[in-house]
Amino acid sequence: MATAPAPTPRSVGVPRGERPAPAPAPVLGIAVVGLMACAVAVVVGGAAAPAVAGLQDPGAVVRWGLPLVRVVHDLAASLTIGLLVVAALLLPGSTASSARGARGVREEREAPPT
């Protein structure tokens, strides 16, 4: 008689079919690296320097904040598009809803016109 394997500490108390949420560490790591790279680019590229004489200076908050917010915006857009691609192409479809939808189309074709 075969016995079921002992539950691992991670699976104790978790209903069958549910998985624990993934750790946010990779996403946070990418965001931190992106923001640090942007800060270095702002300093090296001269964007942090005050405006040329004769031009109105928007202030340090805008000079530093605009590139950093742009990095956050681009990372969020990349994450959104990536998750949409995963949802559309990589996740398996539900067989019950697919069968129900196919059955409805078949029945509609076979139904006599009214």
Protein backbone atom coordinates (compact mmCIF):
# COMPACT_ATOMS: atom_id res chain seq x y z
CA MET A 1 0.00 0.00 0.00
CA ALA A 2 1.47 3.35 -1.08
CA THR A 3 1.25 6.27 1.26
CA ALA A 4 0.99 9.90 0.31
CA PRO A 5 4.18 11.92 0.66
CA ALA A 6 4.51 14.03 3.75
CA PRO A 7 3.45 17.64 3.22
CA THR A 8 6.23 20.16 2.92
CA PRO A 9 6.22 23.15 5.26
CA ARG A 10 5.16 25.43 2.40
CA SER A 11 2.09 23.36 1.52
CA VAL A 12 0.71 22.97 5.04
CA GLY A 13 -2.54 24.88 5.38
CA VAL A 14 -2.66 25.89 1.69
CA PRO A 15 -5.74 24.61 -0.16
CA ARG A 16 -5.01 22.30 -3.07
CA GLY A 17 -4.50 24.16 -6.34
CA GLU A 18 -3.57 27.48 -4.73
CA ARG A 19 -0.01 28.73 -4.77
CA PRO A 20 1.52 31.30 -2.49
CA ALA A 21 2.14 34.72 -4.04
CA PRO A 22 5.61 35.18 -5.54
CA ALA A 23 8.09 37.33 -3.70
CA PRO A 24 8.28 40.95 -4.93
CA ALA A 25 12.09 40.97 -4.61
CA PRO A 26 12.89 40.64 -8.35
CA VAL A 27 10.55 43.48 -9.30
CA LEU A 28 11.87 45.72 -6.53
CA GLY A 29 15.45 44.87 -7.49
CA ILE A 30 14.84 45.85 -11.10
CA ALA A 31 13.19 49.11 -10.02
CA VAL A 32 16.07 50.02 -7.69
CA VAL A 33 18.69 49.25 -10.34
CA GLY A 34 16.75 51.29 -12.91
CA LEU A 35 16.44 54.28 -10.59
CA MET A 36 20.14 54.13 -9.68
CA ALA A 37 21.13 53.94 -13.35
CA CYS A 38 18.90 56.92 -14.07
CA ALA A 39 20.47 58.93 -11.24
CA VAL A 40 23.95 58.18 -12.59
CA ALA A 41 22.85 59.16 -16.10
CA VAL A 42 21.38 62.43 -14.81
CA VAL A 43 24.66 63.34 -13.08
CA VAL A 44 26.94 62.24 -15.94
CA GLY A 45 24.70 63.70 -18.65
CA GLY A 46 24.50 67.08 -16.99
CA ALA A 47 20.74 67.12 -16.43
CA ALA A 48 21.29 67.87 -12.74
CA ALA A 49 23.21 71.07 -13.51
CA PRO A 50 21.32 74.34 -13.11
CA ALA A 51 19.94 75.99 -16.22
CA VAL A 52 22.04 78.26 -18.40
CA ALA A 53 22.02 81.95 -17.47
CA GLY A 54 19.08 83.71 -19.06
CA LEU A 55 16.77 80.68 -18.91
CA GLN A 56 14.38 80.14 -16.06
CA ASP A 57 15.39 77.21 -13.82
CA PRO A 58 12.53 74.84 -12.96
CA GLY A 59 14.26 73.80 -9.75
CA ALA A 60 16.10 70.77 -8.46
CA VAL A 61 12.91 68.80 -7.82
CA VAL A 62 11.95 68.95 -11.49
CA ARG A 63 15.50 68.39 -12.77
CA TRP A 64 15.84 65.22 -10.67
CA GLY A 65 12.21 64.15 -10.46
CA LEU A 66 11.31 64.17 -14.15
CA PRO A 67 13.89 61.55 -15.23
CA LEU A 68 13.21 59.38 -12.17
CA VAL A 69 9.45 59.46 -12.71
CA ARG A 70 10.03 58.63 -16.36
CA VAL A 71 11.96 55.48 -15.34
CA VAL A 72 9.10 54.42 -13.06
CA HIS A 73 6.64 55.09 -15.90
CA ASP A 74 8.64 53.02 -18.39
CA LEU A 75 9.08 50.13 -15.93
CA ALA A 76 5.35 50.09 -15.17
CA ALA A 77 4.50 50.11 -18.88
CA SER A 78 6.94 47.26 -19.55
CA LEU A 79 5.50 45.24 -16.68
CA THR A 80 1.95 45.84 -17.91
CA ILE A 81 2.69 44.76 -21.48
CA GLY A 82 4.68 41.75 -20.29
CA LEU A 83 1.88 40.54 -18.02
CA LEU A 84 -0.67 41.03 -20.81
CA VAL A 85 1.46 38.88 -23.13
CA VAL A 86 1.76 36.21 -20.43
CA ALA A 87 -1.99 36.24 -19.84
CA ALA A 88 -2.82 36.13 -23.54
CA LEU A 89 -0.28 33.61 -24.79
CA LEU A 90 1.28 31.54 -22.04
CA LEU A 91 -1.47 30.78 -19.53
CA PRO A 92 -3.60 27.74 -20.33
CA GLY A 93 -7.23 28.37 -21.15
CA SER A 94 -10.06 26.95 -19.09
CA THR A 95 -11.34 23.81 -20.76
CA ALA A 96 -14.79 24.14 -19.20
CA SER A 97 -15.41 27.63 -20.57
CA SER A 98 -13.86 26.72 -23.93
CA ALA A 99 -16.10 23.68 -24.26
CA ARG A 100 -19.15 25.70 -23.19
CA GLY A 101 -18.37 28.39 -25.77
CA ALA A 102 -17.79 25.86 -28.55
CA ARG A 103 -21.02 24.06 -27.64
CA GLY A 104 -22.95 27.35 -27.86
CA VAL A 105 -21.54 28.12 -31.31
CA ARG A 106 -22.37 24.60 -32.51
CA GLU A 107 -25.92 24.82 -31.20
CA GLU A 108 -26.39 28.20 -32.83
CA ARG A 109 -25.29 26.83 -36.22
CA GLU A 110 -27.52 23.78 -35.96
CA ALA A 111 -30.61 25.63 -34.73
CA PRO A 112 -33.31 26.10 -37.36
CA PRO A 113 -33.92 29.70 -38.40
CA THR A 114 -36.89 31.33 -36.73
